[in-house]
């Protein structure tokens, strides 16, 4: 039995969308194109509404770029067991088809979409879709986020801003400046984000999806849609009775759950 996968295409040029749809029909006839978007904001909305298995994003679109759309898609509020779609970037710019893509976090298609190159992309995506959610999955959401961070820096004329160094947070009735490298982890609820250091617990009004953009992705790893942990503060990883990965934190009793989308961080567990 052939598995049917769903896809969304986003490109501000209608002819490019038409051409890609036609080429995909040739190399992957079982793929169902469930939606098309002409900008990044529409793409994010369609992904949230339709929950496709993969999304093709033009890397440069007016308003919200494909990279910015991908970052928002990676932060969509889904259930902990939901898997985010695979991302394929559509680009006319060779400079973005760099080694980062070859590391497997995402794939790319150069405009115009040539049948032979698209076939390679399709085979890669099929392999990733077949192993999604397994301990041996080839990619992970954190890998994708690091790729997006690099791409966004490349696309900005002045490069990406320097990572956040200090957190201004509420501790009791006072405001304190907390060095970011002292933070063990961040956990968000609907209104506030808890900032935990070895010595104190504080609150800020900045959500995780904003912190992800401001912190160094190599230093702080997202392990859940509501949790960021300092990589240096990870003491170990275990599994609970339900098979979920649990992070132990150095110098703190808190146990942090790793959601399914981020399980690729700790391969082999």
C-alpha atoms as a PDB file:
ATOM      1  CA  UNK A   1       0.000   0.000   0.000  1.00  0.00           C
ATOM      2  CA  UNK A   2       1.381   3.391  -1.036  1.00  0.00           C
ATOM      3  CA  UNK A   3       1.469   6.053   1.666  1.00  0.00           C
ATOM      4  CA  UNK A   4       0.038   9.399   0.565  1.00  0.00           C
ATOM      5  CA  UNK A   5       1.813  12.475   1.851  1.00  0.00           C
ATOM      6  CA  UNK A   6       0.513  16.057   1.831  1.00  0.00           C
ATOM      7  CA  UNK A   7       2.442  19.165   0.810  1.00  0.00           C
ATOM      8  CA  UNK A   8       2.069  22.950   0.718  1.00  0.00           C
ATOM      9  CA  UNK A   9       3.853  25.097  -1.902  1.00  0.00           C
ATOM     10  CA  UNK A  10       4.743  28.743  -1.189  1.00  0.00           C
ATOM     11  CA  UNK A  11       6.158  31.030  -3.875  1.00  0.00           C
ATOM     12  CA  UNK A  12       5.223  34.600  -4.779  1.00  0.00           C
ATOM     13  CA  UNK A  13       5.457  33.768  -8.504  1.00  0.00           C
ATOM     14  CA  UNK A  14       2.437  31.847  -9.785  1.00  0.00           C
ATOM     15  CA  UNK A  15       4.362  30.434 -12.765  1.00  0.00           C
ATOM     16  CA  UNK A  16       6.967  28.988 -10.397  1.00  0.00           C
ATOM     17  CA  UNK A  17       4.236  27.359  -8.295  1.00  0.00           C
ATOM     18  CA  UNK A  18       2.659  25.906 -11.426  1.00  0.00           C
ATOM     19  CA  UNK A  19       5.983  24.588 -12.690  1.00  0.00           C
ATOM     20  CA  UNK A  20       6.911  22.998  -9.367  1.00  0.00           C
ATOM     21  CA  UNK A  21       3.487  21.375  -9.058  1.00  0.00           C
ATOM     22  CA  UNK A  22       3.862  19.943 -12.574  1.00  0.00           C
ATOM     23  CA  UNK A  23       7.380  18.620 -11.908  1.00  0.00           C
ATOM     24  CA  UNK A  24       6.296  17.070  -8.606  1.00  0.00           C
ATOM     25  CA  UNK A  25       3.430  15.309 -10.379  1.00  0.00           C
ATOM     26  CA  UNK A  26       6.037  13.749 -12.674  1.00  0.00           C
ATOM     27  CA  UNK A  27       8.531  12.584 -10.051  1.00  0.00           C
ATOM     28  CA  UNK A  28       6.164  11.975  -7.097  1.00  0.00           C
ATOM     29  CA  UNK A  29       2.634  11.367  -8.420  1.00  0.00           C
ATOM     30  CA  UNK A  30       1.402  10.116  -5.025  1.00  0.00           C
ATOM     31  CA  UNK A  31       2.179  13.465  -3.356  1.00  0.00           C
ATOM     32  CA  UNK A  32      -0.972  15.503  -2.693  1.00  0.00           C
ATOM     33  CA  UNK A  33      -0.583  19.294  -2.983  1.00  0.00           C
ATOM     34  CA  UNK A  34      -3.165  20.447  -0.450  1.00  0.00           C
ATOM     35  CA  UNK A  35      -2.456  24.178  -0.531  1.00  0.00           C
ATOM     36  CA  UNK A  36      -0.557  26.986  -2.247  1.00  0.00           C
ATOM     37  CA  UNK A  37       0.607  30.286  -0.777  1.00  0.00           C
ATOM     38  CA  UNK A  38       1.989  33.418  -2.406  1.00  0.00           C
ATOM     39  CA  UNK A  39       3.834  34.696   0.671  1.00  0.00           C
ATOM     40  CA  UNK A  40       5.334  33.528   3.947  1.00  0.00           C
ATOM     41  CA  UNK A  41       2.421  34.555   6.160  1.00  0.00           C
ATOM     42  CA  UNK A  42      -0.016  32.544   4.025  1.00  0.00           C
ATOM     43  CA  UNK A  43       2.361  29.572   4.169  1.00  0.00           C
ATOM     44  CA  UNK A  44       2.462  29.602   7.971  1.00  0.00           C
ATOM     45  CA  UNK A  45      -1.341  29.816   8.147  1.00  0.00           C
ATOM     46  CA  UNK A  46      -1.777  26.937   5.682  1.00  0.00           C
ATOM     47  CA  UNK A  47       0.683  24.715   7.550  1.00  0.00           C
ATOM     48  CA  UNK A  48      -1.126  25.361  10.827  1.00  0.00           C
ATOM     49  CA  UNK A  49      -4.509  24.706   9.217  1.00  0.00           C
ATOM     50  CA  UNK A  50      -3.692  21.743   6.956  1.00  0.00           C
ATOM     51  CA  UNK A  51      -0.787  20.101   8.872  1.00  0.00           C
ATOM     52  CA  UNK A  52       1.064  18.873   5.762  1.00  0.00           C
ATOM     53  CA  UNK A  53       3.957  16.419   5.830  1.00  0.00           C
ATOM     54  CA  UNK A  54       6.221  18.796   3.937  1.00  0.00           C
ATOM     55  CA  UNK A  55       6.323  22.398   2.783  1.00  0.00           C
ATOM     56  CA  UNK A  56       8.123  23.939  -0.190  1.00  0.00           C
ATOM     57  CA  UNK A  57       9.148  27.525   0.657  1.00  0.00           C
ATOM     58  CA  UNK A  58      10.523  30.133  -1.706  1.00  0.00           C
ATOM     59  CA  UNK A  59      13.490  31.485   0.231  1.00  0.00           C
ATOM     60  CA  UNK A  60      12.784  35.093  -0.841  1.00  0.00           C
ATOM     61  CA  UNK A  61       9.190  36.315  -0.639  1.00  0.00           C
ATOM     62  CA  UNK A  62       7.782  39.777   0.098  1.00  0.00           C
ATOM     63  CA  UNK A  63       6.928  40.443   3.726  1.00  0.00           C
ATOM     64  CA  UNK A  64       7.736  37.221   5.517  1.00  0.00           C
ATOM     65  CA  UNK A  65      10.634  35.420   3.778  1.00  0.00           C
ATOM     66  CA  UNK A  66      10.762  31.661   3.419  1.00  0.00           C
ATOM     67  CA  UNK A  67      13.373  31.481   6.187  1.00  0.00           C
ATOM     68  CA  UNK A  68      11.232  33.574   8.539  1.00  0.00           C
ATOM     69  CA  UNK A  69       8.186  31.479   7.656  1.00  0.00           C
ATOM     70  CA  UNK A  70      10.135  28.296   8.402  1.00  0.00           C
ATOM     71  CA  UNK A  71      11.141  29.683  11.804  1.00  0.00           C
ATOM     72  CA  UNK A  72       7.509  30.433  12.611  1.00  0.00           C
ATOM     73  CA  UNK A  73       6.440  26.983  11.412  1.00  0.00           C
ATOM     74  CA  UNK A  74       9.050  25.427  13.714  1.00  0.00           C
ATOM     75  CA  UNK A  75       7.386  27.258  16.624  1.00  0.00           C
ATOM     76  CA  UNK A  76       3.772  26.403  15.833  1.00  0.00           C
ATOM     77  CA  UNK A  77       1.815  25.376  18.916  1.00  0.00           C
ATOM     78  CA  UNK A  78       1.096  21.759  18.144  1.00  0.00           C
ATOM     79  CA  UNK A  79       0.532  18.849  20.507  1.00  0.00           C
ATOM     80  CA  UNK A  80       3.681  17.364  22.012  1.00  0.00           C
ATOM     81  CA  UNK A  81       3.363  14.263  19.824  1.00  0.00           C
ATOM     82  CA  UNK A  82       2.792  16.169  16.571  1.00  0.00           C
ATOM     83  CA  UNK A  83       5.584  16.202  14.011  1.00  0.00           C
ATOM     84  CA  UNK A  84       6.478  19.375  12.169  1.00  0.00           C
ATOM     85  CA  UNK A  85       6.641  19.218   8.359  1.00  0.00           C
ATOM     86  CA  UNK A  86       9.825  18.604   6.428  1.00  0.00           C
ATOM     87  CA  UNK A  87      11.091  21.817   4.808  1.00  0.00           C
ATOM     88  CA  UNK A  88      12.318  22.220   1.228  1.00  0.00           C
ATOM     89  CA  UNK A  89      13.559  25.665   0.191  1.00  0.00           C
ATOM     90  CA  UNK A  90      13.036  26.952  -3.341  1.00  0.00           C
ATOM     91  CA  UNK A  91      15.773  29.352  -4.371  1.00  0.00           C
ATOM     92  CA  UNK A  92      17.204  31.047  -7.445  1.00  0.00           C
ATOM     93  CA  UNK A  93      20.337  31.919  -5.465  1.00  0.00           C
ATOM     94  CA  UNK A  94      23.214  29.454  -5.491  1.00  0.00           C
ATOM     95  CA  UNK A  95      24.778  31.107  -2.450  1.00  0.00           C
ATOM     96  CA  UNK A  96      22.010  29.694  -0.278  1.00  0.00           C
ATOM     97  CA  UNK A  97      22.514  26.169  -1.652  1.00  0.00           C
ATOM     98  CA  UNK A  98      25.446  25.773   0.703  1.00  0.00           C
ATOM     99  CA  UNK A  99      26.880  23.001   2.861  1.00  0.00           C
ATOM    100  CA  UNK A 100      24.213  23.598   5.503  1.00  0.00           C
ATOM    101  CA  UNK A 101      21.605  22.080   3.189  1.00  0.00           C
ATOM    102  CA  UNK A 102      23.825  19.073   2.562  1.00  0.00           C
ATOM    103  CA  UNK A 103      23.931  18.353   6.298  1.00  0.00           C
ATOM    104  CA  UNK A 104      20.370  17.106   5.939  1.00  0.00           C
ATOM    105  CA  UNK A 105      18.411  19.538   8.120  1.00  0.00           C
ATOM    106  CA  UNK A 106      16.457  20.643   5.063  1.00  0.00           C
ATOM    107  CA  UNK A 107      16.694  20.359   1.307  1.00  0.00           C
ATOM    108  CA  UNK A 108      16.509  22.824  -1.538  1.00  0.00           C
ATOM    109  CA  UNK A 109      15.365  23.130  -5.140  1.00  0.00           C
ATOM    110  CA  UNK A 110      17.018  25.607  -7.484  1.00  0.00           C
ATOM    111  CA  UNK A 111      14.759  27.611  -9.790  1.00  0.00           C
ATOM    112  CA  UNK A 112      13.644  26.570 -12.287  1.00  0.00           C
ATOM    113  CA  UNK A 113      12.957  23.126 -10.810  1.00  0.00           C
ATOM    114  CA  UNK A 114      14.754  20.597 -12.996  1.00  0.00           C
ATOM    115  CA  UNK A 115      13.347  17.099 -13.031  1.00  0.00           C
ATOM    116  CA  UNK A 116      16.649  15.353 -12.240  1.00  0.00           C
ATOM    117  CA  UNK A 117      17.534  17.555  -9.239  1.00  0.00           C
ATOM    118  CA  UNK A 118      13.968  17.425  -7.930  1.00  0.00           C
ATOM    119  CA  UNK A 119      14.109  13.634  -8.078  1.00  0.00           C
ATOM    120  CA  UNK A 120      17.124  13.685  -5.715  1.00  0.00           C
ATOM    121  CA  UNK A 121      15.260  15.963  -3.313  1.00  0.00           C
ATOM    122  CA  UNK A 122      12.184  13.738  -3.423  1.00  0.00           C
ATOM    123  CA  UNK A 123      14.205  10.622  -2.587  1.00  0.00           C
ATOM    124  CA  UNK A 124      15.819  12.395   0.392  1.00  0.00           C
ATOM    125  CA  UNK A 125      12.463  13.631   1.654  1.00  0.00           C
ATOM    126  CA  UNK A 126      10.872  10.180   1.300  1.00  0.00           C
ATOM    127  CA  UNK A 127      13.635   8.675   3.454  1.00  0.00           C
ATOM    128  CA  UNK A 128      13.191  11.346   6.115  1.00  0.00           C
ATOM    129  CA  UNK A 129       9.399  10.965   6.141  1.00  0.00           C
ATOM    130  CA  UNK A 130       9.792   7.199   6.516  1.00  0.00           C
ATOM    131  CA  UNK A 131      11.913   7.621   9.656  1.00  0.00           C
ATOM    132  CA  UNK A 132      10.176  10.583  11.279  1.00  0.00           C
ATOM    133  CA  UNK A 133       9.521  10.070  14.955  1.00  0.00           C
ATOM    134  CA  UNK A 134      11.910   7.124  15.273  1.00  0.00           C
ATOM    135  CA  UNK A 135      15.143   7.093  17.314  1.00  0.00           C
ATOM    136  CA  UNK A 136      17.087   6.722  14.054  1.00  0.00           C
ATOM    137  CA  UNK A 137      15.531   9.690  12.292  1.00  0.00           C
ATOM    138  CA  UNK A 138      18.153  11.456  10.171  1.00  0.00           C
ATOM    139  CA  UNK A 139      17.225  15.018  11.093  1.00  0.00           C
ATOM    140  CA  UNK A 140      15.801  16.919  14.013  1.00  0.00           C
ATOM    141  CA  UNK A 141      13.972  20.149  14.658  1.00  0.00           C
ATOM    142  CA  UNK A 142      17.033  21.618  16.483  1.00  0.00           C
ATOM    143  CA  UNK A 143      19.213  20.971  13.433  1.00  0.00           C
ATOM    144  CA  UNK A 144      16.674  22.782  11.286  1.00  0.00           C
ATOM    145  CA  UNK A 145      16.568  25.727  13.691  1.00  0.00           C
ATOM    146  CA  UNK A 146      20.350  26.091  13.564  1.00  0.00           C
ATOM    147  CA  UNK A 147      20.221  26.044   9.760  1.00  0.00           C
ATOM    148  CA  UNK A 148      17.493  28.712   9.743  1.00  0.00           C
ATOM    149  CA  UNK A 149      19.532  30.843  12.137  1.00  0.00           C
ATOM    150  CA  UNK A 150      22.507  30.722   9.732  1.00  0.00           C
ATOM    151  CA  UNK A 151      20.402  31.406   6.659  1.00  0.00           C
ATOM    152  CA  UNK A 152      18.709  34.400   8.251  1.00  0.00           C
ATOM    153  CA  UNK A 153      22.119  35.823   9.153  1.00  0.00           C
ATOM    154  CA  UNK A 154      23.254  35.401   5.529  1.00  0.00           C
ATOM    155  CA  UNK A 155      20.176  37.158   4.167  1.00  0.00           C
ATOM    156  CA  UNK A 156      20.482  40.242   6.375  1.00  0.00           C
ATOM    157  CA  UNK A 157      22.831  42.948   5.013  1.00  0.00           C
ATOM    158  CA  UNK A 158      24.452  43.498   8.385  1.00  0.00           C
ATOM    159  CA  UNK A 159      24.286  39.874   9.466  1.00  0.00           C
ATOM    160  CA  UNK A 160      22.421  38.556  12.479  1.00  0.00           C
ATOM    161  CA  UNK A 161      22.446  40.605  15.699  1.00  0.00           C
ATOM    162  CA  UNK A 162      24.726  39.413  18.484  1.00  0.00           C
ATOM    163  CA  UNK A 163      23.141  36.780  20.750  1.00  0.00           C
ATOM    164  CA  UNK A 164      21.439  37.990  23.923  1.00  0.00           C
ATOM    165  CA  UNK A 165      23.909  38.385  26.836  1.00  0.00           C
ATOM    166  CA  UNK A 166      21.643  39.590  29.653  1.00  0.00           C
ATOM    167  CA  UNK A 167      18.074  38.903  30.756  1.00  0.00           C
ATOM    168  CA  UNK A 168      16.116  41.623  32.559  1.00  0.00           C
ATOM    169  CA  UNK A 169      13.771  39.643  34.803  1.00  0.00           C
ATOM    170  CA  UNK A 170      11.405  40.054  37.753  1.00  0.00           C
ATOM    171  CA  UNK A 171      12.569  38.439  40.987  1.00  0.00           C
ATOM    172  CA  UNK A 172       9.984  38.972  43.722  1.00  0.00           C
ATOM    173  CA  UNK A 173       9.352  42.714  43.821  1.00  0.00           C
ATOM    174  CA  UNK A 174      12.600  43.700  42.076  1.00  0.00           C
ATOM    175  CA  UNK A 175      14.098  43.715  38.592  1.00  0.00           C
ATOM    176  CA  UNK A 176      17.432  41.946  38.169  1.00  0.00           C
ATOM    177  CA  UNK A 177      19.917  41.655  35.318  1.00  0.00           C
ATOM    178  CA  UNK A 178      20.768  37.970  34.843  1.00  0.00           C
ATOM    179  CA  UNK A 179      23.745  36.891  32.696  1.00  0.00           C
ATOM    180  CA  UNK A 180      22.433  34.516  30.024  1.00  0.00           C
ATOM    181  CA  UNK A 181      25.299  32.057  30.518  1.00  0.00           C
ATOM    182  CA  UNK A 182      24.145  31.535  34.135  1.00  0.00           C
ATOM    183  CA  UNK A 183      20.653  30.416  33.053  1.00  0.00           C
ATOM    184  CA  UNK A 184      20.032  26.665  33.363  1.00  0.00           C
ATOM    185  CA  UNK A 185      16.753  26.632  31.450  1.00  0.00           C
ATOM    186  CA  UNK A 186      13.711  28.641  30.332  1.00  0.00           C
ATOM    187  CA  UNK A 187      10.148  27.270  30.654  1.00  0.00           C
ATOM    188  CA  UNK A 188       7.094  29.124  29.307  1.00  0.00           C
ATOM    189  CA  UNK A 189       3.424  29.019  30.152  1.00  0.00           C
ATOM    190  CA  UNK A 190       0.715  31.111  28.476  1.00  0.00           C
ATOM    191  CA  UNK A 191       1.810  34.456  29.939  1.00  0.00           C
ATOM    192  CA  UNK A 192       5.289  34.205  31.436  1.00  0.00           C
ATOM    193  CA  UNK A 193       8.626  32.485  30.916  1.00  0.00           C
ATOM    194  CA  UNK A 194      10.436  31.165  33.972  1.00  0.00           C
ATOM    195  CA  UNK A 195      14.180  31.861  34.023  1.00  0.00           C
ATOM    196  CA  UNK A 196      16.043  29.375  36.230  1.00  0.00           C
ATOM    197  CA  UNK A 197      19.621  29.805  37.430  1.00  0.00           C
ATOM    198  CA  UNK A 198      21.401  27.754  40.132  1.00  0.00           C
ATOM    199  CA  UNK A 199      20.645  30.518  42.642  1.00  0.00           C
ATOM    200  CA  UNK A 200      17.268  31.967  41.701  1.00  0.00           C
ATOM    201  CA  UNK A 201      14.026  31.726  39.761  1.00  0.00           C
ATOM    202  CA  UNK A 202      12.752  34.754  37.835  1.00  0.00           C
ATOM    203  CA  UNK A 203       9.980  35.645  35.382  1.00  0.00           C
ATOM    204  CA  UNK A 204       9.969  37.465  32.048  1.00  0.00           C
ATOM    205  CA  UNK A 205       7.175  38.279  29.575  1.00  0.00           C
ATOM    206  CA  UNK A 206       9.120  37.074  26.526  1.00  0.00           C
ATOM    207  CA  UNK A 207       7.842  33.812  24.936  1.00  0.00           C
ATOM    208  CA  UNK A 208      10.094  30.928  23.948  1.00  0.00           C
ATOM    209  CA  UNK A 209       9.565  31.586  20.219  1.00  0.00           C
ATOM    210  CA  UNK A 210      11.177  35.032  20.661  1.00  0.00           C
ATOM    211  CA  UNK A 211      13.997  33.756  22.873  1.00  0.00           C
ATOM    212  CA  UNK A 212      14.897  31.150  20.245  1.00  0.00           C
ATOM    213  CA  UNK A 213      15.674  33.995  17.815  1.00  0.00           C
ATOM    214  CA  UNK A 214      17.716  35.968  20.357  1.00  0.00           C
ATOM    215  CA  UNK A 215      19.826  33.269  22.013  1.00  0.00           C
ATOM    216  CA  UNK A 216      22.854  31.443  20.621  1.00  0.00           C
ATOM    217  CA  UNK A 217      21.376  28.205  19.158  1.00  0.00           C
ATOM    218  CA  UNK A 218      24.595  26.327  19.908  1.00  0.00           C
ATOM    219  CA  UNK A 219      24.379  27.274  23.596  1.00  0.00           C
ATOM    220  CA  UNK A 220      20.633  26.926  24.220  1.00  0.00           C
ATOM    221  CA  UNK A 221      18.790  23.917  22.836  1.00  0.00           C
ATOM    222  CA  UNK A 222      15.043  23.834  22.423  1.00  0.00           C
ATOM    223  CA  UNK A 223      13.781  20.450  23.677  1.00  0.00           C
ATOM    224  CA  UNK A 224      10.062  21.271  23.807  1.00  0.00           C
ATOM    225  CA  UNK A 225       7.849  24.020  22.375  1.00  0.00           C
ATOM    226  CA  UNK A 226       7.878  25.567  25.857  1.00  0.00           C
ATOM    227  CA  UNK A 227      11.421  24.712  27.018  1.00  0.00           C
ATOM    228  CA  UNK A 228      14.976  25.862  26.259  1.00  0.00           C
ATOM    229  CA  UNK A 229      17.912  24.341  28.137  1.00  0.00           C
ATOM    230  CA  UNK A 230      21.524  25.477  28.446  1.00  0.00           C
ATOM    231  CA  UNK A 231      23.510  22.698  26.723  1.00  0.00           C
ATOM    232  CA  UNK A 232      26.265  23.010  29.349  1.00  0.00           C
ATOM    233  CA  UNK A 233      23.701  22.409  32.112  1.00  0.00           C
ATOM    234  CA  UNK A 234      22.535  19.020  30.780  1.00  0.00           C
ATOM    235  CA  UNK A 235      23.580  16.330  33.245  1.00  0.00           C
ATOM    236  CA  UNK A 236      22.071  13.367  31.400  1.00  0.00           C
ATOM    237  CA  UNK A 237      19.157  11.900  29.466  1.00  0.00           C
ATOM    238  CA  UNK A 238      16.905   9.056  30.613  1.00  0.00           C
ATOM    239  CA  UNK A 239      13.593   7.557  29.494  1.00  0.00           C
ATOM    240  CA  UNK A 240      10.507   7.369  31.683  1.00  0.00           C
ATOM    241  CA  UNK A 241       8.016   4.486  31.788  1.00  0.00           C
ATOM    242  CA  UNK A 242       6.158   5.962  28.773  1.00  0.00           C
ATOM    243  CA  UNK A 243       9.343   6.057  26.700  1.00  0.00           C
ATOM    244  CA  UNK A 244       9.705   9.840  26.793  1.00  0.00           C
ATOM    245  CA  UNK A 245      13.181  11.358  26.972  1.00  0.00           C
ATOM    246  CA  UNK A 246      13.827  13.256  30.213  1.00  0.00           C
ATOM    247  CA  UNK A 247      16.676  15.754  30.704  1.00  0.00           C
ATOM    248  CA  UNK A 248      18.385  16.011  34.076  1.00  0.00           C
ATOM    249  CA  UNK A 249      19.868  19.416  34.927  1.00  0.00           C
ATOM    250  CA  UNK A 250      23.168  19.950  36.737  1.00  0.00           C
ATOM    251  CA  UNK A 251      22.679  21.433  40.197  1.00  0.00           C
ATOM    252  CA  UNK A 252      18.873  21.469  40.006  1.00  0.00           C
ATOM    253  CA  UNK A 253      16.167  18.855  40.734  1.00  0.00           C
ATOM    254  CA  UNK A 254      13.949  19.851  37.781  1.00  0.00           C
ATOM    255  CA  UNK A 255      13.378  17.158  35.143  1.00  0.00           C
ATOM    256  CA  UNK A 256      12.681  18.486  31.642  1.00  0.00           C
ATOM    257  CA  UNK A 257      10.630  16.518  29.114  1.00  0.00           C
ATOM    258  CA  UNK A 258      11.815  16.282  25.499  1.00  0.00           C
ATOM    259  CA  UNK A 259       8.893  16.407  23.065  1.00  0.00           C
ATOM    260  CA  UNK A 260       8.750  14.170  20.021  1.00  0.00           C
ATOM    261  CA  UNK A 261       9.708  16.864  17.516  1.00  0.00           C
ATOM    262  CA  UNK A 262      12.990  17.429  19.355  1.00  0.00           C
ATOM    263  CA  UNK A 263      13.897  13.807  20.128  1.00  0.00           C
ATOM    264  CA  UNK A 264      16.480  13.818  17.307  1.00  0.00           C
ATOM    265  CA  UNK A 265      18.775  15.881  19.553  1.00  0.00           C
ATOM    266  CA  UNK A 266      19.602  12.794  21.561  1.00  0.00           C
ATOM    267  CA  UNK A 267      19.973  10.055  18.980  1.00  0.00           C
ATOM    268  CA  UNK A 268      20.506   6.541  20.208  1.00  0.00           C
ATOM    269  CA  UNK A 269      18.470   7.091  23.381  1.00  0.00           C
END
